[in-house]
Amino acid sequence: RRVHGTDTATTMPFFNFRRGSSTTAAGAAGPAESVEAMRKRAKHRLIGAVVLVLIGVIGFPLLFDTQPRPVAVDIPIEIPGKNTVKPLVMPAPAAAPAPR
């Protein structure tokens, strides 16, 4: 098969694995092997798709989480009653030194 005057096997060797080999033996075992190979490839593709979906479902929310996680603060805060504590006494302001 030629496309634009070049052989597709030489221009895109990556896609050659999808085509069956031209040297396969013809017979009763040939079609059964190809069906099994197709089932195996389909199973691998399905597993790969499931893995990618799971990575997306779990990974995207973790990656794009905009709210910070709340930190649990269990510090007890005790505010004493107004009548049980002595009032604070402010120290007298220090006298300013005399100018020279």
N, C-alpha and C. Protein backbone atom coordinates (compact mmCIF):
# COMPACT_ATOMS: atom_id res chain seq x y z
N ARG A 1 0.84 -1.17 0.00
CA ARG A 1 0.00 0.00 0.00
C ARG A 1 0.88 1.24 0.00
N ARG A 2 0.57 2.16 -0.88
CA ARG A 2 1.37 3.37 -0.99
C ARG A 2 0.50 4.59 -0.74
N VAL A 3 1.08 5.54 0.02
CA VAL A 3 0.39 6.80 0.28
C VAL A 3 1.33 7.90 -0.15
N HIS A 4 0.90 8.74 -1.06
CA HIS A 4 1.69 9.86 -1.56
C HIS A 4 3.05 9.39 -2.08
N GLY A 5 3.11 8.25 -2.66
CA GLY A 5 4.33 7.77 -3.28
C GLY A 5 5.34 7.16 -2.31
N THR A 6 5.01 6.99 -1.05
CA THR A 6 5.94 6.37 -0.10
C THR A 6 5.28 5.15 0.52
N ASP A 7 6.09 4.26 0.98
CA ASP A 7 5.60 3.05 1.62
C ASP A 7 5.22 3.38 3.07
N THR A 8 4.02 3.02 3.52
CA THR A 8 3.58 3.36 4.87
C THR A 8 4.35 2.57 5.92
N ALA A 9 4.88 1.43 5.55
CA ALA A 9 5.64 0.63 6.51
C ALA A 9 6.95 1.31 6.87
N THR A 10 7.50 2.08 5.93
CA THR A 10 8.76 2.75 6.23
C THR A 10 8.54 4.12 6.86
N THR A 11 7.37 4.74 6.62
CA THR A 11 7.15 6.07 7.17
C THR A 11 6.58 6.03 8.58
N MET A 12 5.79 5.01 8.92
CA MET A 12 5.21 4.93 10.25
C MET A 12 5.41 3.53 10.83
N PRO A 13 6.61 3.21 11.26
CA PRO A 13 6.85 1.86 11.77
C PRO A 13 6.17 1.61 13.12
N PHE A 14 5.76 2.68 13.82
CA PHE A 14 5.12 2.50 15.12
C PHE A 14 3.81 1.74 14.99
N PHE A 15 3.09 1.94 13.89
CA PHE A 15 1.78 1.33 13.72
C PHE A 15 1.84 -0.04 13.06
N ASN A 16 3.02 -0.57 12.81
CA ASN A 16 3.13 -1.87 12.16
C ASN A 16 2.67 -3.00 13.06
N PHE A 17 2.74 -2.83 14.38
CA PHE A 17 2.36 -3.93 15.27
C PHE A 17 0.89 -4.25 15.18
N ARG A 18 0.08 -3.33 14.69
CA ARG A 18 -1.36 -3.58 14.60
C ARG A 18 -1.71 -4.45 13.39
N ARG A 19 -0.89 -4.39 12.40
CA ARG A 19 -1.13 -5.23 11.23
C ARG A 19 -0.56 -6.61 11.50
N GLY A 20 -1.26 -7.62 11.02
CA GLY A 20 -0.76 -8.97 11.17
C GLY A 20 0.48 -9.17 10.33
N SER A 21 1.33 -10.05 10.77
CA SER A 21 2.54 -10.33 10.02
C SER A 21 2.17 -11.05 8.73
N SER A 22 2.81 -10.74 7.64
CA SER A 22 2.49 -11.37 6.36
C SER A 22 3.06 -12.78 6.28
N THR A 23 3.91 -13.16 7.25
CA THR A 23 4.53 -14.47 7.21
C THR A 23 3.84 -15.47 8.14
N THR A 24 2.61 -15.16 8.63
CA THR A 24 1.92 -16.09 9.52
C THR A 24 1.48 -17.32 8.73
N ALA A 25 1.49 -18.42 9.40
CA ALA A 25 1.09 -19.67 8.74
C ALA A 25 -0.42 -19.71 8.62
N ALA A 26 -0.90 -20.05 7.44
CA ALA A 26 -2.33 -20.17 7.22
C ALA A 26 -2.79 -21.54 7.70
N GLY A 27 -3.98 -21.57 8.30
CA GLY A 27 -4.49 -22.84 8.78
C GLY A 27 -5.54 -22.61 9.86
N ALA A 28 -5.94 -23.69 10.51
CA ALA A 28 -6.98 -23.61 11.53
C ALA A 28 -6.49 -22.89 12.78
N ALA A 29 -5.21 -23.01 13.10
CA ALA A 29 -4.67 -22.38 14.30
C ALA A 29 -4.50 -20.88 14.12
N GLY A 30 -4.37 -20.40 12.90
CA GLY A 30 -4.15 -18.98 12.63
C GLY A 30 -5.27 -18.09 13.13
N PRO A 31 -6.53 -18.30 12.75
CA PRO A 31 -7.61 -17.43 13.21
C PRO A 31 -7.84 -17.51 14.73
N ALA A 32 -7.67 -18.70 15.31
CA ALA A 32 -7.87 -18.83 16.75
C ALA A 32 -6.81 -18.04 17.51
N GLU A 33 -5.59 -18.04 17.03
CA GLU A 33 -4.53 -17.27 17.69
C GLU A 33 -4.79 -15.78 17.56
N SER A 34 -5.30 -15.36 16.40
CA SER A 34 -5.54 -13.94 16.23
C SER A 34 -6.69 -13.47 17.11
N VAL A 35 -7.71 -14.31 17.30
CA VAL A 35 -8.82 -13.95 18.18
C VAL A 35 -8.32 -13.87 19.62
N GLU A 36 -7.49 -14.81 20.01
CA GLU A 36 -6.94 -14.77 21.37
C GLU A 36 -6.05 -13.55 21.57
N ALA A 37 -5.26 -13.24 20.55
CA ALA A 37 -4.40 -12.06 20.64
C ALA A 37 -5.24 -10.79 20.72
N MET A 38 -6.32 -10.74 19.94
CA MET A 38 -7.21 -9.59 19.99
C MET A 38 -7.88 -9.46 21.35
N ARG A 39 -8.28 -10.57 21.93
CA ARG A 39 -8.90 -10.54 23.27
C ARG A 39 -7.89 -10.07 24.32
N LYS A 40 -6.66 -10.53 24.18
CA LYS A 40 -5.62 -10.12 25.13
C LYS A 40 -5.35 -8.63 25.02
N ARG A 41 -5.26 -8.12 23.79
CA ARG A 41 -5.05 -6.69 23.59
C ARG A 41 -6.22 -5.88 24.12
N ALA A 42 -7.44 -6.36 23.87
CA ALA A 42 -8.62 -5.65 24.36
C ALA A 42 -8.64 -5.64 25.89
N LYS A 43 -8.24 -6.74 26.50
CA LYS A 43 -8.19 -6.81 27.96
C LYS A 43 -7.16 -5.82 28.51
N HIS A 44 -6.00 -5.75 27.86
CA HIS A 44 -4.96 -4.81 28.29
C HIS A 44 -5.42 -3.36 28.12
N ARG A 45 -6.12 -3.08 27.03
CA ARG A 45 -6.63 -1.73 26.82
C ARG A 45 -7.68 -1.38 27.86
N LEU A 46 -8.54 -2.33 28.20
CA LEU A 46 -9.57 -2.09 29.20
C LEU A 46 -8.94 -1.83 30.57
N ILE A 47 -7.94 -2.62 30.92
CA ILE A 47 -7.25 -2.42 32.19
C ILE A 47 -6.56 -1.06 32.20
N GLY A 48 -5.92 -0.70 31.12
CA GLY A 48 -5.27 0.60 31.02
C GLY A 48 -6.27 1.75 31.14
N ALA A 49 -7.42 1.60 30.50
CA ALA A 49 -8.45 2.65 30.59
C ALA A 49 -8.97 2.79 32.01
N VAL A 50 -9.17 1.66 32.69
CA VAL A 50 -9.64 1.71 34.08
C VAL A 50 -8.60 2.38 34.97
N VAL A 51 -7.34 2.06 34.77
CA VAL A 51 -6.28 2.68 35.57
C VAL A 51 -6.23 4.19 35.33
N LEU A 52 -6.34 4.61 34.09
CA LEU A 52 -6.34 6.04 33.79
C LEU A 52 -7.54 6.76 34.40
N VAL A 53 -8.70 6.13 34.36
CA VAL A 53 -9.89 6.74 34.96
C VAL A 53 -9.73 6.86 36.47
N LEU A 54 -9.20 5.81 37.10
CA LEU A 54 -8.98 5.87 38.55
C LEU A 54 -7.97 6.95 38.92
N ILE A 55 -6.92 7.06 38.16
CA ILE A 55 -5.94 8.12 38.41
C ILE A 55 -6.60 9.49 38.27
N GLY A 56 -7.44 9.64 37.28
CA GLY A 56 -8.13 10.92 37.10
C GLY A 56 -9.11 11.21 38.21
N VAL A 57 -9.88 10.21 38.62
CA VAL A 57 -10.89 10.42 39.66
C VAL A 57 -10.23 10.72 41.00
N ILE A 58 -9.13 10.07 41.30
CA ILE A 58 -8.46 10.27 42.58
C ILE A 58 -7.47 11.43 42.50
N GLY A 59 -6.74 11.55 41.43
CA GLY A 59 -5.66 12.52 41.33
C GLY A 59 -6.11 13.95 41.09
N PHE A 60 -7.10 14.18 40.23
CA PHE A 60 -7.50 15.55 39.93
C PHE A 60 -8.03 16.30 41.13
N PRO A 61 -8.90 15.72 41.95
CA PRO A 61 -9.34 16.46 43.14
C PRO A 61 -8.19 16.76 44.10
N LEU A 62 -7.24 15.85 44.22
CA LEU A 62 -6.11 16.11 45.10
C LEU A 62 -5.22 17.22 44.53
N LEU A 63 -5.06 17.22 43.24
CA LEU A 63 -4.18 18.19 42.59
C LEU A 63 -4.81 19.58 42.54
N PHE A 64 -6.09 19.66 42.30
CA PHE A 64 -6.75 20.95 42.12
C PHE A 64 -7.61 21.36 43.30
N ASP A 65 -7.34 20.85 44.48
CA ASP A 65 -8.08 21.20 45.68
C ASP A 65 -7.73 22.63 46.06
N THR A 66 -8.73 23.54 46.07
CA THR A 66 -8.45 24.94 46.33
C THR A 66 -8.61 25.32 47.80
N GLN A 67 -9.41 24.61 48.54
CA GLN A 67 -9.60 24.92 49.95
C GLN A 67 -8.57 24.19 50.78
N PRO A 68 -7.94 24.90 51.74
CA PRO A 68 -7.01 24.20 52.62
C PRO A 68 -7.78 23.30 53.58
N ARG A 69 -7.17 22.23 53.93
CA ARG A 69 -7.82 21.31 54.86
C ARG A 69 -7.85 21.93 56.24
N PRO A 70 -8.97 21.84 56.93
CA PRO A 70 -9.05 22.43 58.27
C PRO A 70 -8.19 21.64 59.26
N VAL A 71 -7.54 22.39 60.14
CA VAL A 71 -6.69 21.78 61.15
C VAL A 71 -7.50 21.72 62.45
N ALA A 72 -7.57 20.55 63.02
CA ALA A 72 -8.32 20.39 64.26
C ALA A 72 -7.52 21.01 65.41
N VAL A 73 -8.14 21.93 66.12
CA VAL A 73 -7.49 22.59 67.26
C VAL A 73 -8.25 22.18 68.51
N ASP A 74 -7.57 21.46 69.38
CA ASP A 74 -8.20 20.99 70.62
C ASP A 74 -7.55 21.64 71.84
N ILE A 75 -7.25 22.92 71.76
CA ILE A 75 -6.62 23.62 72.88
C ILE A 75 -7.73 24.18 73.75
N PRO A 76 -7.76 23.81 75.02
CA PRO A 76 -8.81 24.37 75.89
C PRO A 76 -8.51 25.83 76.22
N ILE A 77 -9.51 26.65 76.10
CA ILE A 77 -9.36 28.08 76.39
C ILE A 77 -10.18 28.36 77.63
N GLU A 78 -9.51 28.88 78.67
CA GLU A 78 -10.19 29.22 79.91
C GLU A 78 -10.17 30.72 80.10
N ILE A 79 -11.33 31.29 80.20
CA ILE A 79 -11.43 32.72 80.45
C ILE A 79 -11.90 32.88 81.90
N PRO A 80 -11.07 33.48 82.75
CA PRO A 80 -11.47 33.62 84.16
C PRO A 80 -12.60 34.63 84.33
N GLY A 81 -13.34 34.45 85.39
CA GLY A 81 -14.44 35.36 85.67
C GLY A 81 -13.94 36.75 86.02
N LYS A 82 -14.78 37.75 85.82
CA LYS A 82 -14.39 39.14 86.03
C LYS A 82 -14.12 39.43 87.51
N ASN A 83 -14.83 38.76 88.42
CA ASN A 83 -14.71 39.04 89.84
C ASN A 83 -13.64 38.20 90.52
N THR A 84 -13.08 37.20 89.88
CA THR A 84 -12.11 36.31 90.53
C THR A 84 -10.67 36.72 90.30
N VAL A 85 -10.40 37.65 89.41
CA VAL A 85 -9.03 38.03 89.10
C VAL A 85 -8.81 39.48 89.53
N LYS A 86 -7.62 39.75 90.09
CA LYS A 86 -7.27 41.12 90.47
C LYS A 86 -7.06 41.95 89.20
N PRO A 87 -7.43 43.21 89.23
CA PRO A 87 -7.21 44.05 88.05
C PRO A 87 -5.73 44.32 87.85
N LEU A 88 -5.34 44.51 86.62
CA LEU A 88 -3.95 44.81 86.31
C LEU A 88 -3.64 46.24 86.70
N VAL A 89 -2.45 46.45 87.25
CA VAL A 89 -2.02 47.79 87.64
C VAL A 89 -0.97 48.24 86.64
N MET A 90 -1.24 49.38 86.06
CA MET A 90 -0.30 49.93 85.09
C MET A 90 0.83 50.62 85.84
N PRO A 91 2.09 50.36 85.44
CA PRO A 91 3.19 51.06 86.11
C PRO A 91 3.18 52.55 85.78
N ALA A 92 3.70 53.31 86.70
CA ALA A 92 3.74 54.77 86.47
C ALA A 92 4.72 55.07 85.36
N PRO A 93 4.40 56.05 84.52
CA PRO A 93 5.33 56.37 83.42
C PRO A 93 6.62 56.92 83.98
N ALA A 94 7.68 56.54 83.34
CA ALA A 94 9.01 57.00 83.79
C ALA A 94 9.16 58.47 83.47
N ALA A 95 9.81 59.17 84.37
CA ALA A 95 10.00 60.61 84.15
C ALA A 95 11.01 60.81 83.03
N ALA A 96 10.74 61.76 82.21
CA ALA A 96 11.63 62.05 81.09
C ALA A 96 12.89 62.72 81.63
N PRO A 97 14.05 62.37 81.11
CA PRO A 97 15.28 63.02 81.58
C PRO A 97 15.29 64.49 81.19
N ALA A 98 15.92 65.25 81.99
CA ALA A 98 15.98 66.71 81.74
C ALA A 98 16.83 66.99 80.50
N PRO A 99 16.39 67.94 79.68
CA PRO A 99 17.19 68.27 78.50
C PRO A 99 18.46 69.00 78.90
N ARG A 100 19.52 68.84 78.24
CA ARG A 100 20.82 69.44 78.56
C ARG A 100 21.04 70.69 77.82
